[in-house]
Every structure is written in structure tokens, then in C-alpha cells.
């Protein structure tokens, strides 16, 4: 987990996964600074719903990917 949250990995995220890094010490690439926009109202999902639906969602994803 430390590796994933570390600055080198986090600085790779913007142009490889097209999302903002979570580590505030990570520097953003210039193109990201210029063109990326933060969502005014980002999508959220209630953790209780994730907990309730996790097994079903994983099963459905597995079925879709393997078949």
C-alpha cells in the first residue's frame, strides 16, 4: 500500500489512469494542470450499498469477463 500511495506511483496516475492522484505531494503533469477539470459534484456510492452488493457485482463482473 505504501508503494501505491508513494509519490512516484501517484505521479504516474494522471496520464496512465486519467484520474487525479490521492497523494497531495504528487506533482501533476502540465497537460493535466492545463486541461483536467475537477467534477463539481463527483459521483459517490454509499459504503453500505457496496457492502450489500459486493458479492453480486463481483459475480456479475466475473461472468461478463470470462464469457
Foldseek 3Di string as FASTA:
>chain_A
DCVCLDQVNQQPCCVPVVDHGPNPVHDHDPVCVVDPDDDPDDDDDDPVVCVVCVVVVVVVVCVVVVD
